[in-house]
Amino acid sequence: MTIVAAITSKFDEPLYPTEVLIKVPEGGLTINSVALLNHIRSIDTPPTNQTTR
C-alpha cells in the first residue's frame, strides 16, 4: 500500500492546519508548494517480485 497526498503551488498564507509547506528544493520541487493533507489517499501497489534470503 502507498499513501499519497495532493500537492499544489497555488496557496495563500497563513496555511490551514492540514497544509504543510514544502520549500524548494525539497523533494525536487522547483517552486514552493503545499501538501494538502486533507486529501490523503491510500492506493494498492502490486507485490514486488523480490525474493528474501
C-alpha atoms as a PDB file:
ATOM      1  CA  MET A   1       0.000   0.000   0.000  1.00  0.00           C
ATOM      2  CA  THR A   2       1.198   3.517  -0.823  1.00  0.00           C
ATOM      3  CA  ILE A   3      -0.061   6.709   0.796  1.00  0.00           C
ATOM      4  CA  VAL A   4      -0.268   9.809  -1.431  1.00  0.00           C
ATOM      5  CA  ALA A   5      -1.225  13.446  -0.811  1.00  0.00           C
ATOM      6  CA  ALA A   6      -2.191  16.188  -3.239  1.00  0.00           C
ATOM      7  CA  ILE A   7       0.431  18.912  -3.770  1.00  0.00           C
ATOM      8  CA  THR A   8      -0.237  22.389  -5.154  1.00  0.00           C
ATOM      9  CA  SER A   9       1.804  25.515  -5.826  1.00  0.00           C
ATOM     10  CA  LYS A  10      -1.290  27.745  -5.520  1.00  0.00           C
ATOM     11  CA  PHE A  11      -1.828  28.623  -1.858  1.00  0.00           C
ATOM     12  CA  ASP A  12      -2.438  31.542   0.480  1.00  0.00           C
ATOM     13  CA  GLU A  13      -0.802  32.237   3.798  1.00  0.00           C
ATOM     14  CA  PRO A  14      -1.469  31.638   6.599  1.00  0.00           C
ATOM     15  CA  LEU A  15      -1.771  27.939   5.906  1.00  0.00           C
ATOM     16  CA  TYR A  16      -4.549  25.799   7.327  1.00  0.00           C
ATOM     17  CA  PRO A  17      -3.570  23.186   9.955  1.00  0.00           C
ATOM     18  CA  THR A  18      -3.988  20.453   7.311  1.00  0.00           C
ATOM     19  CA  GLU A  19      -1.490  22.090   4.914  1.00  0.00           C
ATOM     20  CA  VAL A  20       2.291  21.633   5.011  1.00  0.00           C
ATOM     21  CA  LEU A  21       4.683  23.993   3.215  1.00  0.00           C
ATOM     22  CA  ILE A  22       7.304  22.259   1.061  1.00  0.00           C
ATOM     23  CA  LYS A  23      10.135  24.664   0.230  1.00  0.00           C
ATOM     24  CA  VAL A  24      12.397  24.439  -2.822  1.00  0.00           C
ATOM     25  CA  PRO A  25      14.447  22.215  -3.405  1.00  0.00           C
ATOM     26  CA  GLU A  26      12.821  19.696  -1.036  1.00  0.00           C
ATOM     27  CA  GLY A  27      11.568  16.681  -2.935  1.00  0.00           C
ATOM     28  CA  GLY A  28      12.991  18.003  -6.203  1.00  0.00           C
ATOM     29  CA  LEU A  29      10.387  20.766  -6.453  1.00  0.00           C
ATOM     30  CA  THR A  30      11.190  23.906  -8.443  1.00  0.00           C
ATOM     31  CA  ILE A  31       8.567  26.145  -6.781  1.00  0.00           C
ATOM     32  CA  ASN A  32       7.379  26.384  -3.170  1.00  0.00           C
ATOM     33  CA  SER A  33       4.332  24.177  -2.775  1.00  0.00           C
ATOM     34  CA  VAL A  34       1.858  22.929  -0.190  1.00  0.00           C
ATOM     35  CA  ALA A  35       0.901  19.337   0.616  1.00  0.00           C
ATOM     36  CA  LEU A  36      -2.849  19.138   1.181  1.00  0.00           C
ATOM     37  CA  LEU A  37      -3.134  16.588   3.970  1.00  0.00           C
ATOM     38  CA  ASN A  38      -6.918  16.730   3.893  1.00  0.00           C
ATOM     39  CA  HIS A  39      -6.578  14.978   0.511  1.00  0.00           C
ATOM     40  CA  ILE A  40      -4.585  11.929   1.649  1.00  0.00           C
ATOM     41  CA  ARG A  41      -5.405   8.693  -0.158  1.00  0.00           C
ATOM     42  CA  SER A  42      -4.065   5.160   0.014  1.00  0.00           C
ATOM     43  CA  ILE A  43      -3.605   3.091  -3.111  1.00  0.00           C
ATOM     44  CA  ASP A  44      -2.839  -0.575  -3.562  1.00  0.00           C
ATOM     45  CA  THR A  45       0.513  -1.402  -5.080  1.00  0.00           C
ATOM     46  CA  PRO A  46       1.288  -4.715  -6.722  1.00  0.00           C
ATOM     47  CA  PRO A  47       3.620  -7.045  -4.841  1.00  0.00           C
ATOM     48  CA  THR A  48       7.233  -6.957  -5.939  1.00  0.00           C
ATOM     49  CA  ASN A  49       8.984  -9.949  -7.440  1.00  0.00           C
ATOM     50  CA  GLN A  50      11.801  -9.797  -4.904  1.00  0.00           C
ATOM     51  CA  THR A  51      12.742 -12.931  -3.022  1.00  0.00           C
ATOM     52  CA  THR A  52      14.033 -12.892   0.536  1.00  0.00           C
ATOM     53  CA  ARG A  53      17.002 -14.987   1.548  1.00  0.00           C
END
